[in-house]
């Protein structure tokens, strides 16, 4: 799921791996819902990826700004991250 979202963001024009990865993390739940997951399942999937896989990614794929209300948060201030 995450790889599809990640690559779709590149297709849309984003070149930075760190920005793409952070954006994908935040869009994973919605993509999972569109493919049939329940909202609870979709959010659990996104959170599991963010907490377990994201920290293990190569440094080129991570950013300190990929946190709630950080500079890469797509919807700062809403309490919804990833």
PDB file of N, CA and C in Angstrom:
ATOM      1  N   UNK A   1       0.830  -1.183   0.000  1.00  0.00           N
ATOM      2  CA  UNK A   1       0.000   0.000   0.000  1.00  0.00           C
ATOM      3  C   UNK A   1       0.876   1.249   0.000  1.00  0.00           C
ATOM      4  N   UNK A   2       1.789   1.311   0.933  1.00  0.00           N
ATOM      5  CA  UNK A   2       2.606   2.507   1.073  1.00  0.00           C
ATOM      6  C   UNK A   2       3.455   2.772  -0.165  1.00  0.00           C
ATOM      7  N   UNK A   3       3.997   1.738  -0.751  1.00  0.00           N
ATOM      8  CA  UNK A   3       4.852   1.921  -1.929  1.00  0.00           C
ATOM      9  C   UNK A   3       4.056   2.515  -3.079  1.00  0.00           C
ATOM     10  N   UNK A   4       2.838   2.081  -3.265  1.00  0.00           N
ATOM     11  CA  UNK A   4       1.992   2.624  -4.333  1.00  0.00           C
ATOM     12  C   UNK A   4       1.757   4.117  -4.101  1.00  0.00           C
ATOM     13  N   UNK A   5       1.425   4.485  -2.878  1.00  0.00           N
ATOM     14  CA  UNK A   5       1.191   5.895  -2.556  1.00  0.00           C
ATOM     15  C   UNK A   5       2.475   6.698  -2.751  1.00  0.00           C
ATOM     16  N   UNK A   6       3.581   6.181  -2.254  1.00  0.00           N
ATOM     17  CA  UNK A   6       4.872   6.855  -2.384  1.00  0.00           C
ATOM     18  C   UNK A   6       5.193   7.131  -3.855  1.00  0.00           C
ATOM     19  N   UNK A   7       5.083   6.114  -4.677  1.00  0.00           N
ATOM     20  CA  UNK A   7       5.430   6.272  -6.091  1.00  0.00           C
ATOM     21  C   UNK A   7       4.448   7.188  -6.822  1.00  0.00           C
ATOM     22  N   UNK A   8       3.179   7.177  -6.433  1.00  0.00           N
ATOM     23  CA  UNK A   8       2.199   8.077  -7.036  1.00  0.00           C
ATOM     24  C   UNK A   8       2.564   9.540  -6.771  1.00  0.00           C
ATOM     25  N   UNK A   9       3.119   9.813  -5.609  1.00  0.00           N
ATOM     26  CA  UNK A   9       3.535  11.181  -5.284  1.00  0.00           C
ATOM     27  C   UNK A   9       4.703  11.586  -6.175  1.00  0.00           C
ATOM     28  N   UNK A  10       5.610  10.667  -6.433  1.00  0.00           N
ATOM     29  CA  UNK A  10       6.691  10.962  -7.385  1.00  0.00           C
ATOM     30  C   UNK A  10       6.127  11.230  -8.776  1.00  0.00           C
ATOM     31  N   UNK A  11       5.178  10.431  -9.211  1.00  0.00           N
ATOM     32  CA  UNK A  11       4.563  10.626 -10.533  1.00  0.00           C
ATOM     33  C   UNK A  11       3.920  12.007 -10.615  1.00  0.00           C
ATOM     34  N   UNK A  12       3.394  12.479  -9.496  1.00  0.00           N
ATOM     35  CA  UNK A  12       2.777  13.809  -9.461  1.00  0.00           C
ATOM     36  C   UNK A  12       3.809  14.935  -9.506  1.00  0.00           C
ATOM     37  N   UNK A  13       5.099  14.581  -9.390  1.00  0.00           N
ATOM     38  CA  UNK A  13       6.131  15.593  -9.569  1.00  0.00           C
ATOM     39  C   UNK A  13       7.073  15.839  -8.411  1.00  0.00           C
ATOM     40  N   UNK A  14       6.807  15.286  -7.256  1.00  0.00           N
ATOM     41  CA  UNK A  14       7.704  15.506  -6.112  1.00  0.00           C
ATOM     42  C   UNK A  14       8.971  14.677  -6.302  1.00  0.00           C
ATOM     43  N   UNK A  15      10.115  15.319  -6.160  1.00  0.00           N
ATOM     44  CA  UNK A  15      11.385  14.628  -6.369  1.00  0.00           C
ATOM     45  C   UNK A  15      12.087  14.241  -5.067  1.00  0.00           C
ATOM     46  N   UNK A  16      11.867  15.013  -4.019  1.00  0.00           N
ATOM     47  CA  UNK A  16      12.522  14.751  -2.740  1.00  0.00           C
ATOM     48  C   UNK A  16      11.992  13.460  -2.120  1.00  0.00           C
ATOM     49  N   UNK A  17      12.903  12.540  -1.799  1.00  0.00           N
ATOM     50  CA  UNK A  17      12.479  11.295  -1.170  1.00  0.00           C
ATOM     51  C   UNK A  17      11.902  11.546   0.222  1.00  0.00           C
ATOM     52  N   UNK A  18      12.512  12.430   0.995  1.00  0.00           N
ATOM     53  CA  UNK A  18      12.031  12.686   2.355  1.00  0.00           C
ATOM     54  C   UNK A  18      10.633  13.319   2.333  1.00  0.00           C
ATOM     55  N   UNK A  19      10.421  14.274   1.460  1.00  0.00           N
ATOM     56  CA  UNK A  19       9.104  14.900   1.349  1.00  0.00           C
ATOM     57  C   UNK A  19       8.079  13.902   0.838  1.00  0.00           C
ATOM     58  N   UNK A  20       8.464  13.116  -0.154  1.00  0.00           N
ATOM     59  CA  UNK A  20       7.561  12.104  -0.703  1.00  0.00           C
ATOM     60  C   UNK A  20       7.174  11.097   0.362  1.00  0.00           C
ATOM     61  N   UNK A  21       8.142  10.627   1.109  1.00  0.00           N
ATOM     62  CA  UNK A  21       7.876   9.626   2.150  1.00  0.00           C
ATOM     63  C   UNK A  21       6.933  10.184   3.206  1.00  0.00           C
ATOM     64  N   UNK A  22       7.162  11.411   3.639  1.00  0.00           N
ATOM     65  CA  UNK A  22       6.310  12.012   4.660  1.00  0.00           C
ATOM     66  C   UNK A  22       4.897  12.245   4.129  1.00  0.00           C
ATOM     67  N   UNK A  23       4.798  12.703   2.912  1.00  0.00           N
ATOM     68  CA  UNK A  23       3.479  12.899   2.312  1.00  0.00           C
ATOM     69  C   UNK A  23       2.752  11.575   2.186  1.00  0.00           C
ATOM     70  N   UNK A  24       3.449  10.538   1.742  1.00  0.00           N
ATOM     71  CA  UNK A  24       2.837   9.220   1.592  1.00  0.00           C
ATOM     72  C   UNK A  24       2.339   8.685   2.924  1.00  0.00           C
ATOM     73  N   UNK A  25       3.116   8.842   3.968  1.00  0.00           N
ATOM     74  CA  UNK A  25       2.703   8.380   5.295  1.00  0.00           C
ATOM     75  C   UNK A  25       1.360   9.006   5.676  1.00  0.00           C
ATOM     76  N   UNK A  26       1.191  10.260   5.326  1.00  0.00           N
ATOM     77  CA  UNK A  26      -0.031  10.974   5.686  1.00  0.00           C
ATOM     78  C   UNK A  26      -1.204  10.647   4.758  1.00  0.00           C
ATOM     79  N   UNK A  27      -0.937  10.097   3.614  1.00  0.00           N
ATOM     80  CA  UNK A  27      -1.999   9.751   2.662  1.00  0.00           C
ATOM     81  C   UNK A  27      -2.311   8.261   2.633  1.00  0.00           C
ATOM     82  N   UNK A  28      -1.525   7.460   3.318  1.00  0.00           N
ATOM     83  CA  UNK A  28      -1.729   6.016   3.323  1.00  0.00           C
ATOM     84  C   UNK A  28      -3.124   5.611   3.796  1.00  0.00           C
ATOM     85  N   UNK A  29      -3.592   6.201   4.869  1.00  0.00           N
ATOM     86  CA  UNK A  29      -4.889   5.797   5.422  1.00  0.00           C
ATOM     87  C   UNK A  29      -6.011   6.055   4.419  1.00  0.00           C
ATOM     88  N   UNK A  30      -5.996   7.206   3.797  1.00  0.00           N
ATOM     89  CA  UNK A  30      -7.053   7.511   2.815  1.00  0.00           C
ATOM     90  C   UNK A  30      -6.986   6.543   1.639  1.00  0.00           C
ATOM     91  N   UNK A  31      -5.796   6.252   1.162  1.00  0.00           N
ATOM     92  CA  UNK A  31      -5.649   5.315   0.050  1.00  0.00           C
ATOM     93  C   UNK A  31      -6.165   3.933   0.445  1.00  0.00           C
ATOM     94  N   UNK A  32      -5.865   3.503   1.656  1.00  0.00           N
ATOM     95  CA  UNK A  32      -6.334   2.196   2.125  1.00  0.00           C
ATOM     96  C   UNK A  32      -7.859   2.161   2.185  1.00  0.00           C
ATOM     97  N   UNK A  33      -8.467   3.246   2.639  1.00  0.00           N
ATOM     98  CA  UNK A  33      -9.927   3.320   2.663  1.00  0.00           C
ATOM     99  C   UNK A  33     -10.509   3.234   1.257  1.00  0.00           C
ATOM    100  N   UNK A  34      -9.899   3.927   0.320  1.00  0.00           N
ATOM    101  CA  UNK A  34     -10.386   3.892  -1.064  1.00  0.00           C
ATOM    102  C   UNK A  34     -10.294   2.492  -1.661  1.00  0.00           C
ATOM    103  N   UNK A  35      -9.396   1.686  -1.111  1.00  0.00           N
ATOM    104  CA  UNK A  35      -9.239   0.312  -1.583  1.00  0.00           C
ATOM    105  C   UNK A  35     -10.012  -0.695  -0.738  1.00  0.00           C
ATOM    106  N   UNK A  36     -10.834  -0.204   0.204  1.00  0.00           N
ATOM    107  CA  UNK A  36     -11.733  -1.087   0.924  1.00  0.00           C
ATOM    108  C   UNK A  36     -11.504  -1.282   2.409  1.00  0.00           C
ATOM    109  N   UNK A  37     -10.451  -0.727   2.963  1.00  0.00           N
ATOM    110  CA  UNK A  37     -10.222  -0.853   4.404  1.00  0.00           C
ATOM    111  C   UNK A  37     -11.226   0.014   5.163  1.00  0.00           C
ATOM    112  N   UNK A  38     -11.557  -0.418   6.359  1.00  0.00           N
ATOM    113  CA  UNK A  38     -12.392   0.428   7.211  1.00  0.00           C
ATOM    114  C   UNK A  38     -11.534   1.594   7.700  1.00  0.00           C
ATOM    115  N   UNK A  39     -12.146   2.675   8.156  1.00  0.00           N
ATOM    116  CA  UNK A  39     -11.354   3.779   8.687  1.00  0.00           C
ATOM    117  C   UNK A  39     -10.419   3.351   9.824  1.00  0.00           C
ATOM    118  N   UNK A  40     -10.868   2.468  10.694  1.00  0.00           N
ATOM    119  CA  UNK A  40     -10.031   1.996  11.801  1.00  0.00           C
ATOM    120  C   UNK A  40      -8.849   1.196  11.270  1.00  0.00           C
ATOM    121  N   UNK A  41      -9.106   0.295  10.333  1.00  0.00           N
ATOM    122  CA  UNK A  41      -8.027  -0.488   9.729  1.00  0.00           C
ATOM    123  C   UNK A  41      -7.034   0.417   9.000  1.00  0.00           C
ATOM    124  N   UNK A  42      -7.551   1.372   8.259  1.00  0.00           N
ATOM    125  CA  UNK A  42      -6.704   2.260   7.475  1.00  0.00           C
ATOM    126  C   UNK A  42      -5.798   3.096   8.368  1.00  0.00           C
ATOM    127  N   UNK A  43      -6.350   3.648   9.438  1.00  0.00           N
ATOM    128  CA  UNK A  43      -5.544   4.457  10.351  1.00  0.00           C
ATOM    129  C   UNK A  43      -4.507   3.600  11.057  1.00  0.00           C
ATOM    130  N   UNK A  44      -4.882   2.383  11.424  1.00  0.00           N
ATOM    131  CA  UNK A  44      -3.932   1.474  12.084  1.00  0.00           C
ATOM    132  C   UNK A  44      -2.773   1.147  11.147  1.00  0.00           C
ATOM    133  N   UNK A  45      -3.062   0.936   9.882  1.00  0.00           N
ATOM    134  CA  UNK A  45      -2.026   0.660   8.897  1.00  0.00           C
ATOM    135  C   UNK A  45      -1.049   1.828   8.789  1.00  0.00           C
ATOM    136  N   UNK A  46      -1.592   3.034   8.664  1.00  0.00           N
ATOM    137  CA  UNK A  46      -0.741   4.222   8.538  1.00  0.00           C
ATOM    138  C   UNK A  46       0.098   4.436   9.792  1.00  0.00           C
ATOM    139  N   UNK A  47      -0.501   4.289  10.945  1.00  0.00           N
ATOM    140  CA  UNK A  47       0.226   4.501  12.195  1.00  0.00           C
ATOM    141  C   UNK A  47       1.313   3.445  12.382  1.00  0.00           C
ATOM    142  N   UNK A  48       1.008   2.199  12.053  1.00  0.00           N
ATOM    143  CA  UNK A  48       2.009   1.142  12.171  1.00  0.00           C
ATOM    144  C   UNK A  48       3.207   1.440  11.267  1.00  0.00           C
ATOM    145  N   UNK A  49       2.947   1.868  10.041  1.00  0.00           N
ATOM    146  CA  UNK A  49       4.047   2.183   9.132  1.00  0.00           C
ATOM    147  C   UNK A  49       4.885   3.337   9.702  1.00  0.00           C
ATOM    148  N   UNK A  50       4.217   4.385  10.149  1.00  0.00           N
ATOM    149  CA  UNK A  50       4.926   5.566  10.656  1.00  0.00           C
ATOM    150  C   UNK A  50       5.767   5.237  11.892  1.00  0.00           C
ATOM    151  N   UNK A  51       5.237   4.423  12.777  1.00  0.00           N
ATOM    152  CA  UNK A  51       5.942   4.114  14.024  1.00  0.00           C
ATOM    153  C   UNK A  51       7.012   3.032  13.870  1.00  0.00           C
ATOM    154  N   UNK A  52       6.804   2.076  12.961  1.00  0.00           N
ATOM    155  CA  UNK A  52       7.712   0.946  12.867  1.00  0.00           C
ATOM    156  C   UNK A  52       8.633   0.990  11.656  1.00  0.00           C
ATOM    157  N   UNK A  53       8.125   1.317  10.499  1.00  0.00           N
ATOM    158  CA  UNK A  53       8.939   1.290   9.275  1.00  0.00           C
ATOM    159  C   UNK A  53       9.660   2.609   9.033  1.00  0.00           C
ATOM    160  N   UNK A  54       8.953   3.712   9.185  1.00  0.00           N
ATOM    161  CA  UNK A  54       9.539   5.020   8.875  1.00  0.00           C
ATOM    162  C   UNK A  54      10.854   5.282   9.628  1.00  0.00           C
ATOM    163  N   UNK A  55      10.932   4.999  10.927  1.00  0.00           N
ATOM    164  CA  UNK A  55      12.189   5.264  11.636  1.00  0.00           C
ATOM    165  C   UNK A  55      13.372   4.427  11.128  1.00  0.00           C
ATOM    166  N   UNK A  56      13.093   3.324  10.450  1.00  0.00           N
ATOM    167  CA  UNK A  56      14.144   2.441   9.953  1.00  0.00           C
ATOM    168  C   UNK A  56      14.582   2.789   8.528  1.00  0.00           C
ATOM    169  N   UNK A  57      13.905   3.734   7.909  1.00  0.00           N
ATOM    170  CA  UNK A  57      14.219   4.093   6.528  1.00  0.00           C
ATOM    171  C   UNK A  57      15.610   4.740   6.446  1.00  0.00           C
ATOM    172  N   UNK A  58      16.203   4.654   5.277  1.00  0.00           N
ATOM    173  CA  UNK A  58      17.477   5.323   5.007  1.00  0.00           C
ATOM    174  C   UNK A  58      17.296   6.813   5.307  1.00  0.00           C
ATOM    175  N   UNK A  59      18.319   7.486   5.820  1.00  0.00           N
ATOM    176  CA  UNK A  59      18.195   8.910   6.153  1.00  0.00           C
ATOM    177  C   UNK A  59      17.698   9.792   5.006  1.00  0.00           C
ATOM    178  N   UNK A  60      17.962   9.415   3.769  1.00  0.00           N
ATOM    179  CA  UNK A  60      17.472  10.205   2.633  1.00  0.00           C
ATOM    180  C   UNK A  60      15.948  10.207   2.552  1.00  0.00           C
ATOM    181  N   UNK A  61      15.321   9.229   3.196  1.00  0.00           N
ATOM    182  CA  UNK A  61      13.869   9.077   3.140  1.00  0.00           C
ATOM    183  C   UNK A  61      13.163   9.616   4.386  1.00  0.00           C
ATOM    184  N   UNK A  62      13.911  10.143   5.323  1.00  0.00           N
ATOM    185  CA  UNK A  62      13.326  10.649   6.562  1.00  0.00           C
ATOM    186  C   UNK A  62      13.590  12.143   6.713  1.00  0.00           C
ATOM    187  N   UNK A  63      12.741  12.789   7.489  1.00  0.00           N
ATOM    188  CA  UNK A  63      12.911  14.198   7.789  1.00  0.00           C
ATOM    189  C   UNK A  63      12.466  14.456   9.224  1.00  0.00           C
ATOM    190  N   UNK A  64      13.219  15.283   9.914  1.00  0.00           N
ATOM    191  CA  UNK A  64      12.818  15.701  11.252  1.00  0.00           C
ATOM    192  C   UNK A  64      11.539  16.515  11.229  1.00  0.00           C
ATOM    193  N   UNK A  65      11.182  17.026  10.063  1.00  0.00           N
ATOM    194  CA  UNK A  65       9.957  17.811   9.917  1.00  0.00           C
ATOM    195  C   UNK A  65       8.716  16.970   9.700  1.00  0.00           C
ATOM    196  N   UNK A  66       8.885  15.658   9.677  1.00  0.00           N
ATOM    197  CA  UNK A  66       7.759  14.755   9.447  1.00  0.00           C
ATOM    198  C   UNK A  66       7.151  14.345  10.784  1.00  0.00           C
ATOM    199  N   UNK A  67       6.572  15.328  11.448  1.00  0.00           N
ATOM    200  CA  UNK A  67       5.940  15.143  12.755  1.00  0.00           C
ATOM    201  C   UNK A  67       4.682  16.002  12.802  1.00  0.00           C
ATOM    202  N   UNK A  68       3.822  15.679  13.756  1.00  0.00           N
ATOM    203  CA  UNK A  68       2.606  16.480  13.908  1.00  0.00           C
ATOM    204  C   UNK A  68       2.951  17.959  14.079  1.00  0.00           C
ATOM    205  N   UNK A  69       2.320  18.789  13.283  1.00  0.00           N
ATOM    206  CA  UNK A  69       2.497  20.244  13.262  1.00  0.00           C
ATOM    207  C   UNK A  69       3.877  20.684  12.779  1.00  0.00           C
ATOM    208  N   UNK A  70       4.665  19.745  12.262  1.00  0.00           N
ATOM    209  CA  UNK A  70       5.964  20.083  11.690  1.00  0.00           C
ATOM    210  C   UNK A  70       5.804  20.659  10.292  1.00  0.00           C
ATOM    211  N   UNK A  71       6.903  21.075   9.697  1.00  0.00           N
ATOM    212  CA  UNK A  71       6.840  21.708   8.375  1.00  0.00           C
ATOM    213  C   UNK A  71       6.325  20.795   7.253  1.00  0.00           C
ATOM    214  N   UNK A  72       6.348  19.476   7.449  1.00  0.00           N
ATOM    215  CA  UNK A  72       5.839  18.572   6.408  1.00  0.00           C
ATOM    216  C   UNK A  72       4.445  18.019   6.737  1.00  0.00           C
ATOM    217  N   UNK A  73       3.852  18.474   7.825  1.00  0.00           N
ATOM    218  CA  UNK A  73       2.497  18.065   8.184  1.00  0.00           C
ATOM    219  C   UNK A  73       1.548  18.695   7.171  1.00  0.00           C
ATOM    220  N   UNK A  74       0.786  17.885   6.468  1.00  0.00           N
ATOM    221  CA  UNK A  74      -0.128  18.377   5.433  1.00  0.00           C
ATOM    222  C   UNK A  74      -1.330  19.110   6.003  1.00  0.00           C
ATOM    223  N   UNK A  75      -1.644  18.882   7.265  1.00  0.00           N
ATOM    224  CA  UNK A  75      -2.791  19.550   7.886  1.00  0.00           C
ATOM    225  C   UNK A  75      -2.460  19.924   9.326  1.00  0.00           C
ATOM    226  N   UNK A  76      -1.523  20.853   9.499  1.00  0.00           N
ATOM    227  CA  UNK A  76      -1.097  21.216  10.858  1.00  0.00           C
ATOM    228  C   UNK A  76      -2.248  21.768  11.694  1.00  0.00           C
ATOM    229  N   UNK A  77      -2.170  21.451  12.978  1.00  0.00           N
ATOM    230  CA  UNK A  77      -3.140  21.990  13.923  1.00  0.00           C
ATOM    231  C   UNK A  77      -4.417  21.182  14.059  1.00  0.00           C
ATOM    232  N   UNK A  78      -4.561  20.095  13.280  1.00  0.00           N
ATOM    233  CA  UNK A  78      -5.805  19.348  13.346  1.00  0.00           C
ATOM    234  C   UNK A  78      -5.750  18.132  14.270  1.00  0.00           C
ATOM    235  N   UNK A  79      -4.565  17.847  14.836  1.00  0.00           N
ATOM    236  CA  UNK A  79      -4.428  16.707  15.737  1.00  0.00           C
ATOM    237  C   UNK A  79      -4.462  15.357  15.032  1.00  0.00           C
ATOM    238  N   UNK A  80      -4.336  15.363  13.729  1.00  0.00           N
ATOM    239  CA  UNK A  80      -4.383  14.128  12.932  1.00  0.00           C
ATOM    240  C   UNK A  80      -3.023  13.909  12.260  1.00  0.00           C
ATOM    241  N   UNK A  81      -2.223  13.038  12.811  1.00  0.00           N
ATOM    242  CA  UNK A  81      -0.947  12.704  12.189  1.00  0.00           C
ATOM    243  C   UNK A  81      -0.580  11.296  12.554  1.00  0.00           C
ATOM    244  N   UNK A  82      -0.134  10.455  11.717  1.00  0.00           N
ATOM    245  CA  UNK A  82       0.096  10.767  10.306  1.00  0.00           C
ATOM    246  C   UNK A  82      -1.223  10.831   9.630  1.00  0.00           C
TER     247      UNK A  82
END
